[in-house]
């Protein structure tokens, strides 16, 4: 047999052997491979203010195989109250660990002004409805497996902090004026931290305009926590006769604060009316 013909026959034989080996290998992989599962775990607020919130939808991939897998593709959309918002995605190539569970976190930033024409109206809701849809692809030895992402539910809408006057105290008084400490108690009604950039407003004592109270930046309120601040104000009696009478006599007086509470970029109305006992 000529040398060239012999070489061709050897190559053909090797090709059939290789193809047969690859087919056998693929068959072995298919029989040994266990399909991973994708399940919804939770929806949570990772950050929130009165202007926006980041909603994390958390899924869990269970990989029962003895080798790691990779996330190959992500197609994801997130809607709040029927309106699509900006949604992030886990990065492609994310390692999914062997013989274990890996979290996939899909963050979405919800700007409340995009959801409702009046933010205060939205903030008075207890919960907001969301819908997630899309799919993720997982790279496996037998190709890319696609898993649907379909979930509807609700998340807690951030609540406006509760603000109240505590007992004011007169620190000094003379014939023309008095300096009074006005304590404010600010309680976060949410289980998660909430930033409060400040509270400011016009104060009335016994119906008389006496000046402006301003807290400055209060920073982050702990979840379900309370922060107290004491705000000094000098009241000139010549401009506030009814306030002068209330302060000189002591006892109960009506306080009114007409102002704003600011959290991040959002400001909401704050109106307080309380009967308090003023002490000297």
Protein backbone atom coordinates (compact mmCIF):
# COMPACT_ATOMS: atom_id res chain seq x y z
CA UNK A 1 0.00 0.00 0.00
CA UNK A 2 1.45 3.40 -0.95
CA UNK A 3 2.65 5.50 1.99
CA UNK A 4 0.21 8.40 1.33
CA UNK A 5 -2.85 6.11 1.25
CA UNK A 6 -1.70 4.42 4.48
CA UNK A 7 -1.35 7.80 6.22
CA UNK A 8 -4.82 8.87 5.14
CA UNK A 9 -6.35 5.66 6.45
CA UNK A 10 -4.56 6.10 9.80
CA UNK A 11 -5.86 9.68 10.13
CA UNK A 12 -9.40 8.59 9.32
CA UNK A 13 -9.19 5.80 11.86
CA UNK A 14 -7.87 8.23 14.50
CA UNK A 15 -10.67 10.67 13.70
CA UNK A 16 -13.34 8.04 14.24
CA UNK A 17 -11.66 7.01 17.49
CA UNK A 18 -11.53 10.65 18.71
CA UNK A 19 -15.16 11.30 17.77
CA UNK A 20 -16.18 8.10 19.49
CA UNK A 21 -14.19 9.14 22.59
CA UNK A 22 -15.76 12.62 22.62
CA UNK A 23 -19.24 11.17 22.28
CA UNK A 24 -18.52 8.77 25.11
CA UNK A 25 -17.15 11.62 27.24
CA UNK A 26 -20.19 13.81 26.58
CA UNK A 27 -22.48 10.92 27.39
CA UNK A 28 -20.62 10.33 30.66
CA UNK A 29 -20.84 14.03 31.55
CA UNK A 30 -24.57 14.14 30.85
CA UNK A 31 -25.24 11.08 32.97
CA UNK A 32 -23.04 12.34 35.85
CA UNK A 33 -24.15 16.00 35.77
CA UNK A 34 -26.85 17.07 38.20
CA UNK A 35 -28.97 20.03 37.19
CA UNK A 36 -28.70 23.01 39.58
CA UNK A 37 -31.83 24.69 40.95
CA UNK A 38 -32.72 28.37 41.29
CA UNK A 39 -35.10 29.50 44.04
CA UNK A 40 -36.31 32.88 45.29
CA UNK A 41 -35.01 33.67 48.78
CA UNK A 42 -36.11 37.15 49.90
CA UNK A 43 -36.78 40.79 49.00
CA UNK A 44 -35.07 43.34 51.24
CA UNK A 45 -34.22 47.03 51.43
CA UNK A 46 -30.44 47.40 51.48
CA UNK A 47 -30.65 51.20 51.83
CA UNK A 48 -33.46 53.71 52.06
CA UNK A 49 -34.28 57.36 52.57
CA UNK A 50 -37.44 59.38 52.01
CA UNK A 51 -36.40 60.01 48.40
CA UNK A 52 -35.43 56.53 47.23
CA UNK A 53 -34.61 52.98 48.22
CA UNK A 54 -32.54 50.09 46.91
CA UNK A 55 -34.56 46.90 46.76
CA UNK A 56 -32.55 43.68 46.61
CA UNK A 57 -34.19 40.57 45.24
CA UNK A 58 -32.15 37.60 46.41
CA UNK A 59 -32.16 34.26 44.60
CA UNK A 60 -30.24 31.16 45.56
CA UNK A 61 -28.53 28.70 43.20
CA UNK A 62 -28.01 25.20 44.56
CA UNK A 63 -25.21 23.40 42.68
CA UNK A 64 -25.15 19.70 43.66
CA UNK A 65 -22.10 18.94 41.51
CA UNK A 66 -18.53 18.50 42.72
CA UNK A 67 -17.30 21.31 40.48
CA UNK A 68 -18.08 25.00 40.25
CA UNK A 69 -20.25 26.65 37.60
CA UNK A 70 -20.40 30.15 36.12
CA UNK A 71 -23.17 32.64 35.43
CA UNK A 72 -23.28 33.00 31.65
CA UNK A 73 -26.08 35.51 31.00
CA UNK A 74 -28.57 37.76 32.78
CA UNK A 75 -31.75 39.35 31.41
CA UNK A 76 -33.61 41.20 34.17
CA UNK A 77 -36.31 43.86 34.58
CA UNK A 78 -37.90 45.26 37.76
CA UNK A 79 -41.19 47.12 38.13
CA UNK A 80 -42.68 49.03 41.10
CA UNK A 81 -46.36 49.94 41.09
CA UNK A 82 -46.36 49.04 37.38
CA UNK A 83 -43.45 51.35 36.46
CA UNK A 84 -40.05 50.02 35.37
CA UNK A 85 -37.09 51.22 37.45
CA UNK A 86 -33.31 50.97 37.09
CA UNK A 87 -32.19 47.44 37.97
CA UNK A 88 -28.69 46.06 38.43
CA UNK A 89 -27.50 42.56 37.58
CA UNK A 90 -25.00 40.06 38.99
CA UNK A 91 -21.87 40.05 36.82
CA UNK A 92 -21.40 37.40 34.16
CA UNK A 93 -18.76 34.84 35.02
CA UNK A 94 -19.77 34.89 38.68
CA UNK A 95 -18.56 31.67 40.30
CA UNK A 96 -21.21 29.36 41.70
CA UNK A 97 -19.55 27.14 44.26
CA UNK A 98 -19.44 23.35 44.09
CA UNK A 99 -21.63 21.20 46.35
CA UNK A 100 -23.32 24.26 47.84
CA UNK A 101 -25.56 27.28 47.57
CA UNK A 102 -24.65 30.67 46.10
CA UNK A 103 -26.68 33.88 46.36
CA UNK A 104 -27.55 35.96 43.32
CA UNK A 105 -28.52 39.52 44.30
CA UNK A 106 -30.48 41.70 41.88
CA UNK A 107 -30.49 45.33 43.16
CA UNK A 108 -32.99 47.91 41.90
CA UNK A 109 -32.94 51.62 42.74
CA UNK A 110 -36.44 53.00 43.26
CA UNK A 111 -36.78 56.79 43.10
CA UNK A 112 -40.13 57.58 44.67
CA UNK A 113 -40.62 60.73 42.57
CA UNK A 114 -40.66 58.46 39.49
CA UNK A 115 -43.36 56.28 41.04
CA UNK A 116 -45.81 58.86 42.38
CA UNK A 117 -46.44 62.52 41.43
CA UNK A 118 -46.60 63.43 45.14
CA UNK A 119 -43.89 61.68 47.17
CA UNK A 120 -45.66 62.29 50.50
CA UNK A 121 -48.63 60.31 49.18
CA UNK A 122 -46.38 57.38 48.30
CA UNK A 123 -44.65 57.54 51.70
CA UNK A 124 -48.00 57.18 53.45
CA UNK A 125 -48.41 53.71 51.93
CA UNK A 126 -47.44 50.76 54.10
CA UNK A 127 -46.16 48.69 51.18
CA UNK A 128 -45.45 48.96 47.47
CA UNK A 129 -46.00 46.22 44.89
CA UNK A 130 -43.12 44.98 42.74
CA UNK A 131 -42.70 42.56 39.83
CA UNK A 132 -39.47 41.01 38.58
CA UNK A 133 -39.07 39.18 35.31
CA UNK A 134 -36.28 37.83 33.14
CA UNK A 135 -33.89 34.89 33.10
CA UNK A 136 -30.38 33.82 34.05
CA UNK A 137 -28.13 31.42 32.14
CA UNK A 138 -25.69 29.09 33.92
CA UNK A 139 -22.68 27.71 32.06
CA UNK A 140 -22.42 23.93 32.57
CA UNK A 141 -20.48 21.03 31.01
CA UNK A 142 -23.54 20.24 28.89
CA UNK A 143 -24.11 23.82 27.73
CA UNK A 144 -25.91 26.91 29.04
CA UNK A 145 -28.97 26.18 31.18
CA UNK A 146 -31.58 28.94 31.38
CA UNK A 147 -33.65 29.63 34.50
CA UNK A 148 -36.67 31.99 34.50
CA UNK A 149 -36.93 34.87 36.97
CA UNK A 150 -40.57 35.56 37.74
CA UNK A 151 -41.58 37.07 41.08
CA UNK A 152 -44.26 39.40 42.40
CA UNK A 153 -44.52 40.73 45.93
CA UNK A 154 -44.34 43.81 48.15
CA UNK A 155 -41.71 45.72 50.09
CA UNK A 156 -42.07 48.12 53.02
CA UNK A 157 -42.29 51.79 52.06
CA UNK A 158 -40.04 53.99 54.27
CA UNK A 159 -42.07 55.76 56.92
CA UNK A 160 -41.62 59.40 57.87
CA UNK A 161 -40.01 59.68 61.34
CA UNK A 162 -42.21 60.59 64.27
CA UNK A 163 -41.25 63.95 65.78
CA UNK A 164 -42.51 65.33 69.09
CA UNK A 165 -41.71 68.05 71.61
CA UNK A 166 -40.44 67.07 75.02
CA UNK A 167 -40.71 69.34 78.06
CA UNK A 168 -39.17 72.78 77.30
CA UNK A 169 -37.00 74.40 79.95
CA UNK A 170 -36.37 78.11 80.57
CA UNK A 171 -32.64 78.56 81.06
CA UNK A 172 -32.72 82.32 81.57
CA UNK A 173 -35.36 85.06 81.77
CA UNK A 174 -35.43 88.83 82.30
CA UNK A 175 -37.82 91.70 81.69
CA UNK A 176 -37.36 91.72 77.90
CA UNK A 177 -36.55 88.15 76.83
CA UNK A 178 -36.16 84.52 77.78
CA UNK A 179 -33.91 81.76 76.50
CA UNK A 180 -35.69 78.42 76.25
CA UNK A 181 -34.38 74.94 75.46
CA UNK A 182 -36.84 73.11 73.18
CA UNK A 183 -36.11 69.35 73.20
CA UNK A 184 -37.21 67.37 70.13
CA UNK A 185 -37.54 63.59 70.02
CA UNK A 186 -37.12 62.00 66.55
CA UNK A 187 -38.10 58.33 66.27
CA UNK A 188 -37.37 56.14 63.26
CA UNK A 189 -40.51 54.09 62.62
CA UNK A 190 -38.63 51.80 60.23
CA UNK A 191 -36.68 48.67 61.11
CA UNK A 192 -33.84 49.85 58.87
CA UNK A 193 -31.56 52.93 59.30
CA UNK A 194 -32.83 56.20 57.81
CA UNK A 195 -30.83 59.37 57.09
CA UNK A 196 -32.27 62.66 58.38
CA UNK A 197 -30.57 65.72 56.92
CA UNK A 198 -32.42 68.04 59.26
CA UNK A 199 -35.60 69.55 60.65
CA UNK A 200 -36.39 73.22 60.40
CA UNK A 201 -39.51 75.27 60.98
CA UNK A 202 -41.24 78.34 62.36
CA UNK A 203 -42.14 78.05 66.05
CA UNK A 204 -45.14 79.50 67.83
CA UNK A 205 -45.56 79.62 71.60
CA UNK A 206 -49.12 80.28 72.81
CA UNK A 207 -50.00 81.41 69.28
CA UNK A 208 -47.17 83.96 68.99
CA UNK A 209 -44.40 83.70 66.40
CA UNK A 210 -41.15 83.45 68.35
CA UNK A 211 -38.54 82.39 65.78
CA UNK A 212 -37.14 79.44 63.86
CA UNK A 213 -35.88 76.09 65.11
CA UNK A 214 -33.32 74.14 63.11
CA UNK A 215 -31.61 70.89 64.07
CA UNK A 216 -28.87 70.75 61.46
CA UNK A 217 -27.89 67.38 59.99
CA UNK A 218 -28.98 64.58 62.32
CA UNK A 219 -27.13 61.87 60.39
CA UNK A 220 -28.38 58.30 60.35
CA UNK A 221 -31.22 57.23 62.63
CA UNK A 222 -30.86 53.62 63.76
CA UNK A 223 -33.62 51.23 62.82
CA UNK A 224 -36.48 51.69 65.34
CA UNK A 225 -34.18 54.11 67.19
CA UNK A 226 -34.80 57.52 68.75
CA UNK A 227 -32.56 60.58 68.70
CA UNK A 228 -33.10 63.58 70.93
CA UNK A 229 -31.84 67.11 70.31
CA UNK A 230 -32.26 70.23 72.41
CA UNK A 231 -32.62 73.50 70.51
CA UNK A 232 -32.09 76.84 72.32
CA UNK A 233 -34.08 79.87 71.24
CA UNK A 234 -34.14 83.41 72.64
CA UNK A 235 -37.66 84.84 72.67
CA UNK A 236 -38.07 88.63 72.73
CA UNK A 237 -41.18 89.60 74.64
CA UNK A 238 -41.80 92.84 72.73
CA UNK A 239 -42.59 90.77 69.62
CA UNK A 240 -44.49 87.98 71.35
CA UNK A 241 -46.75 89.22 74.16
CA UNK A 242 -48.76 86.01 74.55
CA UNK A 243 -45.56 83.96 74.64
CA UNK A 244 -44.13 86.31 77.27
CA UNK A 245 -47.18 85.78 79.47
CA UNK A 246 -46.94 81.98 79.11
CA UNK A 247 -43.23 81.91 79.89
CA UNK A 248 -43.48 84.25 82.88
CA UNK A 249 -46.33 82.32 84.46
CA UNK A 250 -44.95 78.86 83.63
CA UNK A 251 -47.18 75.82 83.35
CA UNK A 252 -48.82 74.60 80.15
CA UNK A 253 -48.45 76.29 76.78
CA UNK A 254 -49.28 75.30 73.24
CA UNK A 255 -46.30 74.82 70.88
CA UNK A 256 -46.70 74.80 67.10
CA UNK A 257 -43.97 74.00 64.59
CA UNK A 258 -44.64 74.55 60.89
CA UNK A 259 -41.66 73.19 59.01
CA UNK A 260 -39.97 70.53 56.91
CA UNK A 261 -38.11 67.29 57.57
CA UNK A 262 -35.43 66.42 55.03
CA UNK A 263 -34.09 62.96 54.30
CA UNK A 264 -31.48 62.70 51.56
CA UNK A 265 -32.87 64.79 48.68
CA UNK A 266 -36.49 64.66 49.80
CA UNK A 267 -38.21 67.20 52.02
CA UNK A 268 -41.64 66.53 53.56
CA UNK A 269 -43.97 68.79 55.55
CA UNK A 270 -43.78 68.63 59.34
CA UNK A 271 -46.54 70.18 61.44
CA UNK A 272 -46.50 69.76 65.22
CA UNK A 273 -49.11 71.02 67.66
CA UNK A 274 -48.62 70.04 71.29
CA UNK A 275 -49.62 71.20 74.72
CA UNK A 276 -46.48 71.05 76.88
CA UNK A 277 -45.48 71.97 80.39
CA UNK A 278 -42.73 74.60 80.43
CA UNK A 279 -40.42 74.41 83.43
CA UNK A 280 -37.96 76.90 84.84
